[in-house]
N, C-alpha and C. Protein backbone atom coordinates (compact mmCIF):
# COMPACT_ATOMS: atom_id res chain seq x y z
N MET A 1 35.78 40.40 7.57
CA MET A 1 36.21 39.53 6.50
C MET A 1 35.56 39.96 5.19
N ALA A 2 36.22 39.70 4.13
CA ALA A 2 35.73 40.13 2.83
C ALA A 2 34.57 39.27 2.34
N SER A 3 34.48 38.01 2.82
CA SER A 3 33.43 37.12 2.32
C SER A 3 32.10 37.31 3.04
N GLU A 4 32.08 38.07 4.14
CA GLU A 4 30.83 38.27 4.87
C GLU A 4 30.00 39.36 4.20
N PRO A 5 28.68 39.20 4.20
CA PRO A 5 27.82 40.23 3.62
C PRO A 5 27.88 41.51 4.45
N LYS A 6 27.53 42.63 3.83
CA LYS A 6 27.59 43.94 4.47
C LYS A 6 26.55 44.11 5.58
N ASP A 7 25.39 43.43 5.45
CA ASP A 7 24.32 43.61 6.43
C ASP A 7 24.50 42.79 7.70
N GLY A 8 25.57 42.02 7.81
CA GLY A 8 25.86 41.27 9.01
C GLY A 8 25.21 39.90 9.08
N SER A 9 24.43 39.51 8.08
CA SER A 9 23.79 38.20 8.10
C SER A 9 24.71 37.15 7.49
N SER A 10 24.43 35.91 7.77
CA SER A 10 25.22 34.81 7.25
C SER A 10 24.79 34.49 5.83
N HIS A 11 25.67 33.85 5.07
CA HIS A 11 25.35 33.50 3.69
C HIS A 11 24.21 32.49 3.58
N ASP A 12 24.26 31.46 4.42
CA ASP A 12 23.27 30.41 4.31
C ASP A 12 22.15 30.55 5.34
N GLU A 13 21.99 31.73 5.86
CA GLU A 13 20.93 32.00 6.82
C GLU A 13 19.65 32.32 6.05
N GLU A 14 18.56 31.69 6.46
CA GLU A 14 17.28 31.93 5.79
C GLU A 14 16.28 32.41 6.82
N LYS A 15 15.47 33.38 6.44
CA LYS A 15 14.50 33.95 7.37
C LYS A 15 13.41 32.93 7.67
N THR A 16 13.06 32.83 8.95
CA THR A 16 12.00 31.91 9.37
C THR A 16 10.84 32.72 9.95
N VAL A 17 9.66 32.13 9.89
CA VAL A 17 8.46 32.75 10.43
C VAL A 17 7.66 31.71 11.22
N THR A 18 6.94 32.18 12.21
CA THR A 18 6.01 31.32 12.94
C THR A 18 4.72 31.28 12.15
N ILE A 19 4.39 30.10 11.66
CA ILE A 19 3.23 29.97 10.79
C ILE A 19 1.94 29.77 11.58
N ARG A 20 2.05 29.12 12.76
CA ARG A 20 0.87 28.89 13.59
C ARG A 20 1.31 28.58 15.01
N THR A 21 0.47 28.92 15.96
CA THR A 21 0.74 28.64 17.37
C THR A 21 -0.32 27.68 17.89
N PHE A 22 0.13 26.63 18.58
CA PHE A 22 -0.76 25.59 19.09
C PHE A 22 -0.75 25.60 20.61
N SER A 23 -1.73 24.96 21.20
CA SER A 23 -1.81 24.92 22.67
C SER A 23 -1.02 23.77 23.27
N ASN A 24 -0.63 22.78 22.44
CA ASN A 24 0.16 21.66 22.98
C ASN A 24 1.09 21.10 21.90
N HIS A 25 2.04 20.28 22.35
CA HIS A 25 3.03 19.70 21.44
C HIS A 25 2.40 18.71 20.46
N ASP A 26 1.39 17.97 20.90
CA ASP A 26 0.80 16.96 20.03
C ASP A 26 0.21 17.57 18.77
N ALA A 27 -0.57 18.62 18.92
CA ALA A 27 -1.18 19.27 17.76
C ALA A 27 -0.11 19.88 16.85
N ALA A 28 0.92 20.46 17.45
CA ALA A 28 2.00 21.06 16.66
C ALA A 28 2.77 19.98 15.89
N ASN A 29 2.99 18.83 16.51
CA ASN A 29 3.73 17.76 15.83
C ASN A 29 2.92 17.13 14.71
N ILE A 30 1.60 17.09 14.85
CA ILE A 30 0.76 16.58 13.76
C ILE A 30 0.87 17.52 12.55
N ALA A 31 0.79 18.82 12.80
CA ALA A 31 0.93 19.79 11.70
C ALA A 31 2.33 19.71 11.10
N ARG A 32 3.35 19.55 11.94
CA ARG A 32 4.72 19.43 11.44
C ARG A 32 4.86 18.21 10.54
N SER A 33 4.28 17.09 10.95
CA SER A 33 4.35 15.87 10.14
C SER A 33 3.67 16.07 8.79
N ASN A 34 2.55 16.77 8.80
CA ASN A 34 1.84 17.06 7.55
C ASN A 34 2.71 17.88 6.61
N LEU A 35 3.35 18.91 7.13
CA LEU A 35 4.19 19.76 6.29
C LEU A 35 5.43 19.01 5.81
N GLU A 36 6.06 18.24 6.69
CA GLU A 36 7.25 17.50 6.28
C GLU A 36 6.92 16.42 5.26
N ALA A 37 5.71 15.86 5.32
CA ALA A 37 5.30 14.87 4.33
C ALA A 37 5.19 15.50 2.94
N HIS A 38 4.97 16.81 2.91
CA HIS A 38 4.89 17.53 1.64
C HIS A 38 6.20 18.23 1.30
N GLY A 39 7.27 17.90 2.00
CA GLY A 39 8.59 18.42 1.67
C GLY A 39 8.92 19.80 2.22
N ILE A 40 8.16 20.26 3.20
CA ILE A 40 8.42 21.57 3.79
C ILE A 40 9.15 21.38 5.11
N GLN A 41 10.33 21.96 5.22
CA GLN A 41 11.12 21.85 6.44
C GLN A 41 10.53 22.77 7.50
N CYS A 42 10.31 22.22 8.71
CA CYS A 42 9.73 23.02 9.78
C CYS A 42 10.21 22.52 11.14
N TRP A 43 9.97 23.35 12.15
CA TRP A 43 10.42 23.07 13.51
C TRP A 43 9.32 23.42 14.49
N VAL A 44 9.27 22.65 15.58
CA VAL A 44 8.36 22.95 16.68
C VAL A 44 9.18 23.64 17.75
N ASN A 45 8.70 24.78 18.22
CA ASN A 45 9.44 25.59 19.16
C ASN A 45 8.52 25.98 20.31
N ALA A 46 9.00 25.78 21.54
CA ALA A 46 8.22 26.17 22.72
C ALA A 46 9.18 26.55 23.84
N ASP A 47 8.77 27.46 24.68
CA ASP A 47 9.57 27.87 25.82
C ASP A 47 9.15 27.08 27.05
N ASP A 48 9.41 25.76 27.03
CA ASP A 48 8.99 24.90 28.13
C ASP A 48 10.14 24.04 28.64
N CYS A 49 11.35 24.54 28.54
CA CYS A 49 12.54 23.83 29.05
C CYS A 49 12.65 22.43 28.44
N GLY A 50 12.52 22.35 27.14
CA GLY A 50 12.67 21.07 26.45
C GLY A 50 11.57 20.08 26.73
N GLY A 51 10.39 20.54 27.08
CA GLY A 51 9.27 19.66 27.36
C GLY A 51 9.15 19.25 28.82
N TRP A 52 10.10 19.69 29.66
CA TRP A 52 10.07 19.32 31.08
C TRP A 52 8.98 20.07 31.84
N TYR A 53 8.72 21.31 31.46
CA TYR A 53 7.72 22.12 32.16
C TYR A 53 6.65 22.56 31.17
N THR A 54 5.72 21.65 30.89
CA THR A 54 4.71 21.91 29.87
C THR A 54 3.76 23.03 30.27
N ASN A 55 3.67 23.34 31.57
CA ASN A 55 2.80 24.44 31.98
C ASN A 55 3.34 25.79 31.49
N LEU A 56 4.59 25.86 31.10
CA LEU A 56 5.16 27.11 30.61
C LEU A 56 4.73 27.42 29.18
N THR A 57 4.12 26.46 28.47
CA THR A 57 3.69 26.71 27.09
C THR A 57 2.40 27.52 27.04
N ALA A 58 1.68 27.62 28.13
CA ALA A 58 0.40 28.33 28.13
C ALA A 58 0.52 29.78 27.67
N PRO A 59 1.47 30.57 28.18
CA PRO A 59 1.52 31.97 27.74
C PRO A 59 1.92 32.15 26.28
N GLY A 60 2.94 31.43 25.83
CA GLY A 60 3.45 31.62 24.47
C GLY A 60 2.98 30.59 23.48
N GLY A 61 2.48 29.46 23.96
CA GLY A 61 2.04 28.40 23.09
C GLY A 61 3.21 27.64 22.48
N VAL A 62 2.88 26.66 21.67
CA VAL A 62 3.86 25.87 20.94
C VAL A 62 3.82 26.37 19.50
N ARG A 63 4.97 26.86 19.04
CA ARG A 63 5.02 27.53 17.74
C ARG A 63 5.55 26.58 16.66
N LEU A 64 4.93 26.65 15.49
CA LEU A 64 5.39 25.92 14.32
C LEU A 64 6.12 26.91 13.43
N VAL A 65 7.43 26.72 13.26
CA VAL A 65 8.28 27.66 12.56
C VAL A 65 8.72 27.04 11.23
N ILE A 66 8.66 27.83 10.16
CA ILE A 66 9.07 27.37 8.83
C ILE A 66 9.92 28.44 8.17
N ASN A 67 10.54 28.09 7.05
CA ASN A 67 11.25 29.08 6.25
C ASN A 67 10.24 30.03 5.63
N ALA A 68 10.58 31.31 5.58
CA ALA A 68 9.65 32.32 5.08
C ALA A 68 9.25 32.05 3.63
N SER A 69 10.15 31.45 2.86
CA SER A 69 9.83 31.19 1.45
C SER A 69 8.74 30.13 1.28
N ASP A 70 8.50 29.30 2.29
CA ASP A 70 7.49 28.25 2.21
C ASP A 70 6.17 28.63 2.87
N ALA A 71 6.03 29.88 3.29
CA ALA A 71 4.87 30.28 4.10
C ALA A 71 3.54 30.11 3.36
N ALA A 72 3.46 30.52 2.11
CA ALA A 72 2.19 30.46 1.38
C ALA A 72 1.74 29.01 1.19
N VAL A 73 2.66 28.15 0.81
CA VAL A 73 2.32 26.73 0.58
C VAL A 73 1.95 26.07 1.91
N ALA A 74 2.68 26.39 2.97
CA ALA A 74 2.41 25.79 4.27
C ALA A 74 1.04 26.19 4.79
N LEU A 75 0.69 27.45 4.65
CA LEU A 75 -0.64 27.91 5.09
C LEU A 75 -1.73 27.20 4.32
N ALA A 76 -1.55 27.05 3.02
CA ALA A 76 -2.55 26.35 2.22
C ALA A 76 -2.70 24.91 2.68
N LEU A 77 -1.59 24.24 2.97
CA LEU A 77 -1.66 22.85 3.42
C LEU A 77 -2.33 22.73 4.79
N LEU A 78 -2.01 23.64 5.69
CA LEU A 78 -2.59 23.57 7.02
C LEU A 78 -4.08 23.91 7.03
N ASN A 79 -4.51 24.76 6.10
CA ASN A 79 -5.91 25.15 6.04
C ASN A 79 -6.78 24.17 5.27
N THR A 80 -6.18 23.26 4.52
CA THR A 80 -6.91 22.28 3.73
C THR A 80 -7.25 21.08 4.60
N GLU A 81 -8.51 20.70 4.60
CA GLU A 81 -8.92 19.51 5.35
C GLU A 81 -8.78 18.28 4.47
N ALA A 82 -8.42 17.18 5.07
CA ALA A 82 -8.24 15.93 4.34
C ALA A 82 -9.61 15.35 3.96
N SER A 83 -9.67 14.78 2.76
CA SER A 83 -10.92 14.14 2.32
C SER A 83 -11.02 12.76 2.95
N ALA A 84 -12.19 12.16 2.82
CA ALA A 84 -12.41 10.84 3.41
C ALA A 84 -11.50 9.79 2.77
N THR A 85 -11.25 9.90 1.47
CA THR A 85 -10.36 8.92 0.82
C THR A 85 -8.92 9.07 1.31
N GLU A 86 -8.48 10.31 1.54
CA GLU A 86 -7.12 10.52 2.05
C GLU A 86 -6.98 9.95 3.46
N ILE A 87 -8.01 10.14 4.29
CA ILE A 87 -7.98 9.61 5.65
C ILE A 87 -7.95 8.09 5.61
N ASN A 88 -8.74 7.47 4.73
CA ASN A 88 -8.74 6.01 4.61
C ASN A 88 -7.37 5.51 4.14
N GLN A 89 -6.76 6.22 3.20
CA GLN A 89 -5.43 5.83 2.71
C GLN A 89 -4.40 5.92 3.84
N ILE A 90 -4.45 6.98 4.61
CA ILE A 90 -3.51 7.15 5.73
C ILE A 90 -3.70 6.03 6.75
N GLU A 91 -4.95 5.72 7.08
CA GLU A 91 -5.21 4.65 8.05
C GLU A 91 -4.76 3.30 7.52
N THR A 92 -4.98 3.04 6.23
CA THR A 92 -4.56 1.78 5.63
C THR A 92 -3.04 1.65 5.67
N GLU A 93 -2.33 2.73 5.34
CA GLU A 93 -0.87 2.70 5.38
C GLU A 93 -0.36 2.51 6.81
N ALA A 94 -1.05 3.11 7.78
CA ALA A 94 -0.63 2.97 9.17
C ALA A 94 -0.81 1.53 9.65
N VAL A 95 -1.91 0.90 9.28
CA VAL A 95 -2.15 -0.49 9.67
C VAL A 95 -1.15 -1.41 8.98
N ALA A 96 -0.84 -1.12 7.72
CA ALA A 96 0.10 -1.96 6.98
C ALA A 96 1.52 -1.84 7.54
N SER A 97 1.83 -0.71 8.14
CA SER A 97 3.19 -0.52 8.65
C SER A 97 3.37 -0.99 10.09
N LEU A 98 2.31 -1.50 10.71
CA LEU A 98 2.42 -2.02 12.06
C LEU A 98 3.30 -3.27 12.08
N PRO A 99 4.07 -3.47 13.12
CA PRO A 99 4.89 -4.67 13.20
C PRO A 99 4.01 -5.92 13.31
N PRO A 100 4.48 -7.03 12.80
CA PRO A 100 3.65 -8.24 12.87
C PRO A 100 3.47 -8.69 14.32
N LYS A 101 2.33 -9.29 14.57
CA LYS A 101 2.06 -9.78 15.92
C LYS A 101 2.94 -11.00 16.18
N THR A 102 3.51 -11.03 17.35
CA THR A 102 4.36 -12.16 17.71
C THR A 102 3.56 -13.17 18.48
N GLY A 103 4.00 -14.39 18.41
CA GLY A 103 3.34 -15.45 19.16
C GLY A 103 3.65 -15.32 20.64
N ARG A 104 3.02 -16.14 21.41
CA ARG A 104 3.22 -16.11 22.85
C ARG A 104 4.65 -16.56 23.16
N LEU A 105 5.26 -15.89 24.11
CA LEU A 105 6.62 -16.26 24.49
C LEU A 105 6.60 -17.64 25.13
N ASN A 106 7.71 -18.33 24.94
CA ASN A 106 7.81 -19.66 25.54
C ASN A 106 7.70 -19.56 27.05
N GLU A 107 6.94 -20.46 27.62
CA GLU A 107 6.79 -20.46 29.06
C GLU A 107 8.04 -21.07 29.69
N VAL A 108 8.41 -20.54 30.83
CA VAL A 108 9.56 -21.05 31.55
C VAL A 108 9.16 -22.36 32.22
N SER A 109 9.98 -23.38 32.01
CA SER A 109 9.65 -24.68 32.61
C SER A 109 10.19 -24.75 34.04
N TRP A 110 9.66 -25.68 34.78
CA TRP A 110 10.11 -25.88 36.16
C TRP A 110 11.58 -26.27 36.20
N LEU A 111 12.03 -27.01 35.21
CA LEU A 111 13.43 -27.43 35.16
C LEU A 111 14.35 -26.21 35.06
N GLN A 112 13.96 -25.21 34.26
CA GLN A 112 14.76 -24.00 34.14
C GLN A 112 14.79 -23.23 35.45
N ILE A 113 13.70 -23.18 36.16
CA ILE A 113 13.63 -22.48 37.44
C ILE A 113 14.54 -23.17 38.46
N ILE A 114 14.44 -24.50 38.55
CA ILE A 114 15.25 -25.25 39.51
C ILE A 114 16.74 -25.12 39.18
N CYS A 115 17.09 -25.21 37.89
CA CYS A 115 18.50 -25.06 37.50
C CYS A 115 19.01 -23.67 37.86
N GLY A 116 18.21 -22.66 37.68
CA GLY A 116 18.61 -21.30 38.03
C GLY A 116 18.83 -21.15 39.52
N MET A 117 17.97 -21.76 40.32
CA MET A 117 18.12 -21.68 41.77
C MET A 117 19.39 -22.42 42.22
N VAL A 118 19.63 -23.60 41.65
CA VAL A 118 20.82 -24.37 42.02
C VAL A 118 22.08 -23.60 41.65
N MET A 119 22.11 -23.01 40.46
CA MET A 119 23.28 -22.23 40.04
C MET A 119 23.48 -21.03 40.95
N GLY A 120 22.42 -20.39 41.38
CA GLY A 120 22.53 -19.26 42.30
C GLY A 120 23.13 -19.67 43.64
N VAL A 121 22.69 -20.81 44.17
CA VAL A 121 23.22 -21.31 45.44
C VAL A 121 24.70 -21.65 45.29
N ILE A 122 25.07 -22.33 44.19
CA ILE A 122 26.47 -22.69 43.96
C ILE A 122 27.34 -21.45 43.86
N LEU A 123 26.88 -20.42 43.13
CA LEU A 123 27.67 -19.19 43.00
C LEU A 123 27.83 -18.48 44.33
N CYS A 124 26.79 -18.47 45.15
CA CYS A 124 26.89 -17.85 46.48
C CYS A 124 27.90 -18.59 47.35
N LEU A 125 27.86 -19.91 47.30
CA LEU A 125 28.80 -20.70 48.09
C LEU A 125 30.24 -20.48 47.62
N LEU A 126 30.44 -20.45 46.32
CA LEU A 126 31.78 -20.19 45.78
C LEU A 126 32.27 -18.80 46.19
N TYR A 127 31.41 -17.83 46.15
CA TYR A 127 31.79 -16.48 46.53
C TYR A 127 32.23 -16.44 48.00
N GLN A 128 31.45 -17.09 48.86
CA GLN A 128 31.80 -17.13 50.28
C GLN A 128 33.11 -17.87 50.51
N LEU A 129 33.30 -18.96 49.78
CA LEU A 129 34.50 -19.77 49.94
C LEU A 129 35.74 -19.00 49.48
N LEU A 130 35.67 -18.32 48.37
CA LEU A 130 36.83 -17.63 47.80
C LEU A 130 37.15 -16.33 48.55
N TRP A 131 36.15 -15.59 48.96
CA TRP A 131 36.42 -14.28 49.53
C TRP A 131 36.45 -14.25 51.06
N SER A 132 36.15 -15.37 51.70
CA SER A 132 36.18 -15.38 53.17
C SER A 132 37.58 -15.61 53.70
N THR A 133 38.49 -16.06 52.88
CA THR A 133 39.86 -16.30 53.34
C THR A 133 40.75 -15.12 53.19
């Protein structure tokens, strides 16, 4: 086709690089969240059958993949440690975003239990009456 580039690559294809390799998904997802919070698109990639066989990540690890154009900024972000004020701000925002505590659920009364049992017996009798003929 005339619209395809000569080198065989796609128009909107962008080169990606593995920026860091982790030993587990949790650490990789924390780094991914940090980068995405700063506007850097990234992906967690591992050869573990979609997380079903986590023992397969040992040889290759869990890879954090980003666009090559964001590599310098991503490395700087991953190598920078958070200050105490940033950690306090993150913890405060996390506590503020927690769902409100709900009150105790209403207790089931004896009347509700007895009514449920009576309805169950009536339905069983109706079933036997209708389907036995």
